[in-house]
Amino acid sequence: MAQQILVVGLGNYSLEELPMGVYRKLQSADVIYARTLDHPVVKELEDLNWQGFDYIYEKHDDFLNVYSEIVDTLIEKAEHENIIYAVPGDPMVAETTTQLLLEKAPDVHVLGGKSFLDDMFRAVNIDPNDGFTLLDGTSLSETSLNIRTNTIITQVYDQLVASDIKVTLMERYPDDHPVKLVSNARLGEADVISCPLYEMDHHAELSNLTSLFIPKITEDEQLYGDFQYLEQTIDTLVSEEGCPWDKVQTHETLKRYVLEEAFELIEAIDEDDIEHMIEELGDILLQVMLHAAIGKKEAYFDVREVIQTLTSKMIRRHPHVFGDQEANDIKDLKKIWNDEKQKEGKVKREKLEKIFADYFLKLYDKTKLEGYGEQSLKEFINKGDLTI
């Protein structure tokens, strides 16, 4: 029968900050399993029987495999004995092994230590009530970043990791955005290095007790690449306090602009002009955002529903990518696509839009080839002979 696994937190610093309950548990244990022996409390209580898992870090290239092996080892040992497992900080704050144990083991209890976050907030002088995001630097992705809140990134333990973090952050933050590297985040004794983002990996004073603080972006212009900021901007334009033109538009009045912007994008593609393409793709996105903002104002739908519907459809219609089906050629793809549309209950209909697209693209090519200008093209169309 499986025995109990007790996860205890060693806190963020030394023995003097260790809770008495945790101290007593450590003193009474025959053996203490520790995620890492590189912690001040372990060194101060060196007479205890510590069994560290540091060797597992050397066996794997990624942390998830490290944590998984640690957890599997603990669960196996718990078949025969009660386990005390010690981790840095608070077991419930940024500690993956605790979460894995709670998922996999039948009898897990947690006894907290002091989280590094309290000291971190003091070291960088912020109030957590203003909101913050906590992220793991070893698994950081651009999509997890929220530039509108303060962010703390853990596991900034060497320059290689710091470099990877920097590259990811520079996808969303200005290169010279101010950041703070905080080591030994303890009241009055924290080592804080303030520097621009592009310099964060130039410092050698990094360790497993180093975290990175990134203040939220407050300058409006630096938020121009943020989707939520775009949504707020368009919502403002169509509101009663917004632009006189935008606020009176309807889905009906905007129809023609979808076509206009599409043809401008085609022109930019033909010109192989990247800057022009960026601008015209933005204008097409504007049409989506305007329709979504009108839908939101009228309480019918919003842009989140548009995105959700699109994402759901793409995943559903690509089971060969997101599922277990296989597609070896275009024939397989067409069958999968048609099968999925049939499952959706799509009624087969005349594809008039394809005919219109083919026709107008041919007309577009003809007018470009023959060098029509705006006025001559109007005259050509007004004659009514649009034979291609």
Protein backbone atom coordinates (compact mmCIF):
# COMPACT_ATOMS: atom_id res chain seq x y z
CA MET A 1 0.00 0.00 0.00
CA ALA A 2 1.31 3.43 -0.93
CA GLN A 3 2.53 5.57 1.96
CA GLN A 4 2.26 9.31 2.46
CA ILE A 5 4.41 11.83 0.60
CA LEU A 6 4.93 15.06 2.53
CA VAL A 7 6.25 17.96 0.45
CA VAL A 8 7.92 20.64 2.57
CA GLY A 9 9.16 24.05 1.55
CA LEU A 10 12.63 25.19 2.62
CA GLY A 11 11.86 28.82 2.01
CA ASN A 12 13.81 31.32 0.00
CA TYR A 13 16.76 31.87 2.27
CA SER A 14 18.28 30.53 5.46
CA LEU A 15 17.32 28.48 8.49
CA GLU A 16 16.19 31.56 10.44
CA GLU A 17 13.21 31.94 8.07
CA LEU A 18 12.25 28.25 8.09
CA PRO A 19 8.82 27.65 9.70
CA MET A 20 9.06 25.72 12.99
CA GLY A 21 6.67 23.05 11.72
CA VAL A 22 8.90 22.34 8.73
CA TYR A 23 12.02 22.37 10.94
CA ARG A 24 10.53 19.73 13.26
CA LYS A 25 9.55 17.52 10.33
CA LEU A 26 13.09 17.70 8.97
CA GLN A 27 14.65 16.92 12.34
CA SER A 28 12.45 13.87 12.88
CA ALA A 29 13.00 12.37 9.42
CA ASP A 30 15.26 9.35 8.84
CA VAL A 31 15.90 10.59 5.30
CA ILE A 32 14.94 13.77 3.46
CA TYR A 33 14.68 13.69 -0.31
CA ALA A 34 15.51 17.08 -1.83
CA ARG A 35 14.98 18.31 -5.37
CA THR A 36 18.35 20.02 -5.05
CA LEU A 37 21.01 20.15 -2.35
CA ASP A 38 22.03 23.62 -3.52
CA HIS A 39 20.09 25.51 -0.85
CA PRO A 40 21.21 27.42 2.29
CA VAL A 41 18.99 25.36 4.63
CA VAL A 42 20.53 22.11 3.40
CA LYS A 43 23.99 23.48 4.11
CA GLU A 44 22.98 24.70 7.58
CA LEU A 45 21.40 21.34 8.46
CA GLU A 46 24.15 19.28 6.89
CA ASP A 47 24.04 16.70 9.70
CA LEU A 48 20.63 15.49 8.52
CA ASN A 49 20.36 12.64 6.02
CA TRP A 50 19.72 14.50 2.77
CA GLN A 51 19.29 12.60 -0.49
CA GLY A 52 19.39 15.01 -3.41
CA PHE A 53 18.13 14.60 -6.96
CA ASP A 54 20.74 16.87 -8.52
CA TYR A 55 22.16 13.92 -10.46
CA ILE A 56 18.89 13.62 -12.40
CA TYR A 57 19.41 17.11 -13.85
CA GLU A 58 22.56 15.84 -15.57
CA LYS A 59 20.66 13.02 -17.29
CA HIS A 60 18.14 15.12 -19.23
CA ASP A 61 18.14 18.06 -21.61
CA ASP A 62 14.81 19.52 -20.47
CA PHE A 63 13.31 20.16 -17.07
CA LEU A 64 10.02 18.37 -17.61
CA ASN A 65 11.87 15.06 -17.96
CA VAL A 66 13.90 15.91 -14.86
CA TYR A 67 10.79 16.63 -12.82
CA SER A 68 8.99 13.57 -14.15
CA GLU A 69 11.84 11.26 -13.12
CA ILE A 70 12.01 12.85 -9.66
CA VAL A 71 8.28 12.33 -9.18
CA ASP A 72 8.37 8.75 -10.47
CA THR A 73 11.26 8.00 -8.10
CA LEU A 74 9.38 9.44 -5.12
CA ILE A 75 6.20 7.52 -5.95
CA GLU A 76 8.19 4.30 -6.24
CA LYS A 77 9.87 4.87 -2.87
CA ALA A 78 6.50 5.72 -1.32
CA GLU A 79 5.40 2.14 -1.96
CA HIS A 80 7.58 1.14 0.99
CA GLU A 81 8.01 4.17 3.25
CA ASN A 82 6.61 7.55 4.20
CA ILE A 83 8.42 10.22 2.23
CA ILE A 84 9.55 13.72 3.13
CA TYR A 85 10.43 15.65 0.01
CA ALA A 86 11.98 19.13 0.34
CA VAL A 87 11.86 21.85 -2.30
CA PRO A 88 13.09 25.47 -2.36
CA GLY A 89 10.60 28.21 -1.48
CA ASP A 90 6.92 27.39 -1.10
CA PRO A 91 5.92 23.99 -2.56
CA MET A 92 2.81 25.53 -4.13
CA VAL A 93 4.57 28.43 -5.87
CA ALA A 94 6.37 27.75 -9.16
CA GLU A 95 7.16 24.17 -8.17
CA THR A 96 6.34 21.72 -10.96
CA THR A 97 7.21 18.59 -8.98
CA THR A 98 4.54 19.41 -6.39
CA GLN A 99 1.89 19.69 -9.08
CA LEU A 100 2.99 16.42 -10.68
CA LEU A 101 2.87 14.65 -7.33
CA LEU A 102 -0.62 15.97 -6.62
CA GLU A 103 -1.71 14.64 -10.02
CA LYS A 104 -0.06 11.22 -9.81
CA ALA A 105 0.36 10.14 -6.19
CA PRO A 106 -2.60 8.99 -4.05
CA ASP A 107 -1.59 10.53 -0.70
CA VAL A 108 0.27 13.85 -0.89
CA HIS A 109 0.39 16.53 1.78
CA VAL A 110 2.04 19.94 1.52
CA LEU A 111 3.69 21.94 4.30
CA GLY A 112 4.60 25.40 3.11
CA GLY A 113 7.81 27.32 3.35
CA LYS A 114 8.24 31.00 2.63
CA SER A 115 7.82 31.86 -1.06
CA PHE A 116 10.49 33.92 -2.80
CA LEU A 117 7.71 36.17 -4.12
CA ASP A 118 7.31 38.16 -0.89
CA ASP A 119 10.98 39.11 -0.94
CA MET A 120 10.88 39.65 -4.69
CA PHE A 121 8.09 42.21 -4.38
CA ARG A 122 10.08 44.09 -1.75
CA ALA A 123 13.29 43.95 -3.77
CA VAL A 124 11.70 45.57 -6.84
CA ASN A 125 9.27 47.80 -4.90
CA ILE A 126 5.97 46.70 -6.44
CA ASP A 127 2.57 45.92 -4.98
CA PRO A 128 1.31 42.51 -6.19
CA ASN A 129 -2.21 43.86 -5.89
CA ASP A 130 -1.50 45.71 -9.15
CA GLY A 131 -1.32 42.31 -10.85
CA PHE A 132 1.61 40.25 -12.05
CA THR A 133 2.44 37.22 -14.19
CA LEU A 134 4.73 34.45 -12.93
CA LEU A 135 6.54 32.42 -15.62
CA ASP A 136 9.18 29.69 -15.80
CA GLY A 137 12.21 30.83 -17.79
CA THR A 138 13.03 27.31 -18.94
CA SER A 139 9.74 26.94 -20.81
CA LEU A 140 9.08 30.53 -21.82
CA SER A 141 7.15 31.23 -25.01
CA GLU A 142 6.10 34.48 -26.65
CA THR A 143 2.42 33.54 -26.36
CA SER A 144 2.66 33.36 -22.56
CA LEU A 145 3.78 36.98 -22.25
CA ASN A 146 1.43 39.72 -21.10
CA ILE A 147 3.14 43.07 -21.60
CA ARG A 148 0.31 44.88 -19.81
CA THR A 149 1.18 43.43 -16.38
CA ASN A 150 4.37 43.18 -14.35
CA THR A 151 6.12 39.87 -14.99
CA ILE A 152 8.44 37.73 -12.87
CA ILE A 153 10.43 34.98 -14.57
CA THR A 154 12.08 32.26 -12.50
CA GLN A 155 14.90 29.82 -13.31
CA VAL A 156 17.27 32.45 -14.72
CA TYR A 157 20.20 30.40 -13.45
CA ASP A 158 22.87 30.92 -16.13
CA GLN A 159 23.76 33.07 -19.13
CA LEU A 160 22.53 30.53 -21.69
CA VAL A 161 19.03 30.51 -20.18
CA ALA A 162 19.17 34.30 -19.79
CA SER A 163 20.00 34.63 -23.51
CA ASP A 164 17.07 32.44 -24.53
CA ILE A 165 14.75 34.46 -22.28
CA LYS A 166 16.06 37.73 -23.71
CA VAL A 167 15.43 36.67 -27.31
CA THR A 168 11.86 35.65 -26.45
CA LEU A 169 11.15 38.87 -24.54
CA MET A 170 12.48 41.03 -27.37
CA GLU A 171 9.68 39.71 -29.58
CA ARG A 172 7.24 41.73 -27.45
CA TYR A 173 9.25 44.31 -25.49
CA PRO A 174 11.48 47.15 -26.73
CA ASP A 175 15.17 46.20 -26.76
CA ASP A 176 15.94 48.89 -24.19
CA HIS A 177 13.01 48.09 -21.88
CA PRO A 178 14.27 48.32 -18.25
CA VAL A 179 14.47 45.01 -16.36
CA LYS A 180 15.85 43.84 -13.02
CA LEU A 181 17.81 40.69 -12.26
CA VAL A 182 17.20 39.76 -8.63
CA SER A 183 19.28 37.23 -6.73
CA ASN A 184 18.92 36.23 -3.07
CA ALA A 185 15.66 38.16 -2.88
CA ARG A 186 15.67 38.74 0.85
CA LEU A 187 14.64 41.87 2.69
CA GLY A 188 17.60 44.25 2.86
CA GLU A 189 20.01 41.80 1.24
CA ALA A 190 18.72 41.25 -2.31
CA ASP A 191 21.23 41.62 -5.12
CA VAL A 192 19.44 43.69 -7.77
CA ILE A 193 20.95 44.48 -11.17
CA SER A 194 19.02 47.04 -13.21
CA CYS A 195 19.76 47.04 -16.93
CA PRO A 196 18.12 47.35 -20.36
CA LEU A 197 16.63 44.15 -21.71
CA TYR A 198 19.32 43.69 -24.37
CA GLU A 199 22.00 43.53 -21.63
CA MET A 200 20.32 41.05 -19.29
CA ASP A 201 22.53 38.13 -20.35
CA HIS A 202 25.77 40.12 -20.02
CA HIS A 203 25.96 39.61 -16.26
CA ALA A 204 27.82 36.71 -14.67
CA GLU A 205 26.08 36.98 -11.29
CA LEU A 206 23.37 34.45 -12.13
CA SER A 207 22.41 31.44 -10.03
CA ASN A 208 19.50 29.15 -9.22
CA LEU A 209 18.29 31.92 -6.87
CA THR A 210 18.05 34.50 -9.69
CA SER A 211 14.75 35.74 -11.08
CA LEU A 212 13.95 38.43 -13.62
CA PHE A 213 11.49 41.27 -13.12
CA ILE A 214 9.99 42.96 -16.20
CA PRO A 215 7.82 46.02 -15.48
CA LYS A 216 4.64 46.34 -17.47
CA ILE A 217 4.59 48.55 -20.53
CA THR A 218 2.85 51.86 -19.87
CA GLU A 219 3.70 53.88 -23.00
CA ASP A 220 0.78 53.76 -25.45
CA GLU A 221 3.01 53.58 -28.53
CA GLN A 222 4.74 50.49 -27.15
CA LEU A 223 1.34 48.79 -26.95
CA TYR A 224 0.54 49.28 -30.63
CA GLY A 225 1.51 45.68 -31.39
CA ASP A 226 -0.79 44.30 -28.69
CA PHE A 227 -4.01 42.71 -29.96
CA GLN A 228 -6.07 43.79 -26.95
CA TYR A 229 -4.96 47.39 -27.48
CA LEU A 230 -6.05 47.16 -31.13
CA GLU A 231 -9.43 45.82 -30.06
CA GLN A 232 -9.88 48.68 -27.59
CA THR A 233 -8.88 51.20 -30.27
CA ILE A 234 -11.47 49.95 -32.79
CA ASP A 235 -14.14 49.66 -30.08
CA THR A 236 -13.50 53.33 -29.29
CA LEU A 237 -13.80 54.33 -32.95
CA VAL A 238 -17.26 52.75 -33.36
CA SER A 239 -18.56 53.92 -29.97
CA GLU A 240 -20.93 56.86 -29.60
CA GLU A 241 -17.95 58.97 -28.51
CA GLY A 242 -15.85 57.76 -31.43
CA CYS A 243 -15.25 58.78 -35.03
CA PRO A 244 -18.25 60.33 -36.87
CA TRP A 245 -17.62 58.01 -39.85
CA ASP A 246 -16.81 54.79 -38.01
CA LYS A 247 -19.65 54.96 -35.50
CA VAL A 248 -22.37 55.05 -38.20
CA GLN A 249 -21.01 52.14 -40.24
CA THR A 250 -22.91 48.86 -40.50
CA HIS A 251 -22.06 45.42 -41.81
CA GLU A 252 -23.89 46.44 -45.00
CA THR A 253 -22.01 49.70 -45.58
CA LEU A 254 -18.64 48.05 -45.02
CA LYS A 255 -19.09 45.26 -47.59
CA ARG A 256 -17.30 46.96 -50.48
CA TYR A 257 -14.21 47.74 -48.40
CA VAL A 258 -13.44 44.05 -47.96
CA LEU A 259 -13.10 43.83 -51.75
CA GLU A 260 -11.16 47.08 -52.05
CA GLU A 261 -8.61 46.06 -49.44
CA ALA A 262 -8.29 42.56 -50.93
CA PHE A 263 -7.39 44.02 -54.33
CA GLU A 264 -4.88 46.40 -52.73
CA LEU A 265 -3.25 43.40 -51.06
CA ILE A 266 -3.12 41.57 -54.41
CA GLU A 267 -1.40 44.61 -55.89
CA ALA A 268 1.15 44.66 -53.06
CA ILE A 269 1.84 40.95 -53.59
CA ASP A 270 2.31 41.50 -57.33
CA GLU A 271 4.75 44.30 -56.57
CA ASP A 272 6.63 42.08 -54.10
CA ASP A 273 6.52 45.05 -51.71
CA ILE A 274 6.74 43.74 -48.13
CA GLU A 275 6.03 47.09 -46.46
CA HIS A 276 2.99 47.56 -48.70
CA MET A 277 1.83 44.01 -47.88
CA ILE A 278 2.09 44.71 -44.15
CA GLU A 279 -0.02 47.85 -44.57
CA GLU A 280 -2.67 46.13 -46.68
CA LEU A 281 -2.87 43.08 -44.42
CA GLY A 282 -3.49 45.57 -41.64
CA ASP A 283 -6.32 47.12 -43.66
CA ILE A 284 -7.90 43.68 -44.14
CA LEU A 285 -7.55 43.05 -40.40
CA LEU A 286 -9.23 46.42 -39.88
CA GLN A 287 -12.29 45.13 -41.74
CA VAL A 288 -12.45 42.11 -39.43
CA MET A 289 -12.06 44.31 -36.35
CA LEU A 290 -14.70 46.80 -37.53
CA HIS A 291 -17.28 44.08 -38.16
CA ALA A 292 -16.44 42.50 -34.79
CA ALA A 293 -16.69 45.86 -33.01
CA ILE A 294 -20.08 46.53 -34.60
CA GLY A 295 -21.21 43.03 -33.61
CA LYS A 296 -20.05 43.71 -30.06
CA LYS A 297 -21.78 47.11 -29.94
CA GLU A 298 -25.01 45.49 -31.09
CA ALA A 299 -24.50 42.60 -28.61
CA TYR A 300 -24.49 39.90 -31.31
CA PHE A 301 -20.86 38.71 -31.30
CA ASP A 302 -17.33 39.90 -30.67
CA VAL A 303 -13.85 39.22 -32.01
CA ARG A 304 -13.25 36.44 -29.46
CA GLU A 305 -16.10 34.44 -31.01
CA VAL A 306 -14.62 35.04 -34.45
CA ILE A 307 -11.21 33.78 -33.31
CA GLN A 308 -12.69 30.83 -31.40
CA THR A 309 -14.76 29.76 -34.41
CA LEU A 310 -11.76 30.01 -36.73
CA THR A 311 -9.40 28.13 -34.41
CA SER A 312 -11.94 25.40 -33.77
CA LYS A 313 -12.52 24.96 -37.50
CA MET A 314 -8.81 24.83 -38.32
CA ILE A 315 -8.12 22.18 -35.68
CA ARG A 316 -11.22 20.18 -36.57
CA ARG A 317 -10.43 20.20 -40.29
CA HIS A 318 -6.78 19.25 -39.81
CA PRO A 319 -6.93 15.92 -37.94
CA HIS A 320 -3.79 14.93 -39.87
CA VAL A 321 -1.94 17.67 -37.97
CA PHE A 322 -3.76 17.89 -34.62
CA GLY A 323 -5.17 14.36 -34.51
CA ASP A 324 -4.19 10.83 -35.48
CA GLN A 325 -5.18 10.77 -39.15
CA GLU A 326 -2.60 10.63 -41.93
CA ALA A 327 -2.46 12.57 -45.18
CA ASN A 328 0.18 11.64 -47.72
CA ASP A 329 -0.98 13.68 -50.69
CA ILE A 330 -3.51 16.27 -51.88
CA LYS A 331 -6.09 13.55 -52.56
CA ASP A 332 -5.97 12.51 -48.90
CA LEU A 333 -6.25 16.14 -47.82
CA LYS A 334 -9.33 16.77 -49.95
CA LYS A 335 -11.02 13.66 -48.55
CA ILE A 336 -10.25 14.70 -44.96
CA TRP A 337 -11.46 18.25 -45.63
CA ASN A 338 -14.72 17.07 -47.20
CA ASP A 339 -15.31 14.46 -44.48
CA GLU A 340 -14.90 17.06 -41.76
CA LYS A 341 -17.23 19.51 -43.49
CA GLN A 342 -19.80 16.73 -43.81
CA LYS A 343 -19.51 16.03 -40.07
CA GLU A 344 -20.17 19.73 -39.49
CA GLY A 345 -23.45 19.35 -41.37
CA LYS A 346 -22.41 21.73 -44.12
CA VAL A 347 -25.01 21.79 -46.90
CA LYS A 348 -23.47 21.60 -50.35
CA ARG A 349 -24.17 24.79 -52.25
CA GLU A 350 -23.17 26.61 -55.39
CA LYS A 351 -19.73 28.16 -54.94
CA LEU A 352 -20.52 31.51 -56.57
CA GLU A 353 -17.70 33.23 -54.70
CA LYS A 354 -15.15 31.05 -56.49
CA ILE A 355 -16.58 32.05 -59.87
CA PHE A 356 -16.55 35.74 -58.92
CA ALA A 357 -12.98 35.46 -57.65
CA ASP A 358 -11.80 33.75 -60.84
CA TYR A 359 -13.52 36.36 -62.99
CA PHE A 360 -12.31 39.41 -61.13
CA LEU A 361 -8.74 38.11 -60.94
CA LYS A 362 -8.75 37.64 -64.72
CA LEU A 363 -10.23 41.11 -65.14
CA TYR A 364 -7.62 42.51 -62.76
CA ASP A 365 -4.79 40.86 -64.74
CA LYS A 366 -6.23 42.17 -68.03
CA THR A 367 -6.47 45.76 -66.82
CA LYS A 368 -2.96 45.65 -65.33
CA LEU A 369 -1.56 44.17 -68.54
CA GLU A 370 -3.20 46.79 -70.73
CA GLY A 371 -2.14 49.64 -68.49
CA TYR A 372 -5.51 51.03 -67.46
CA GLY A 373 -5.53 54.02 -65.17
CA GLU A 374 -8.34 54.87 -62.74
CA GLN A 375 -10.30 57.01 -65.24
CA SER A 376 -9.80 54.73 -68.25
CA LEU A 377 -10.81 51.70 -66.18
CA LYS A 378 -14.04 53.45 -65.14
CA GLU A 379 -14.80 54.18 -68.80
CA PHE A 380 -14.02 50.57 -69.76
CA ILE A 381 -16.39 49.22 -67.10
CA ASN A 382 -19.12 51.76 -67.92
CA LYS A 383 -19.19 50.49 -71.49
CA GLY A 384 -20.53 47.24 -70.05
CA ASP A 385 -18.34 44.96 -72.14
CA LEU A 386 -16.45 43.04 -69.47
CA THR A 387 -15.62 40.10 -71.70
CA ILE A 388 -12.26 38.67 -70.75
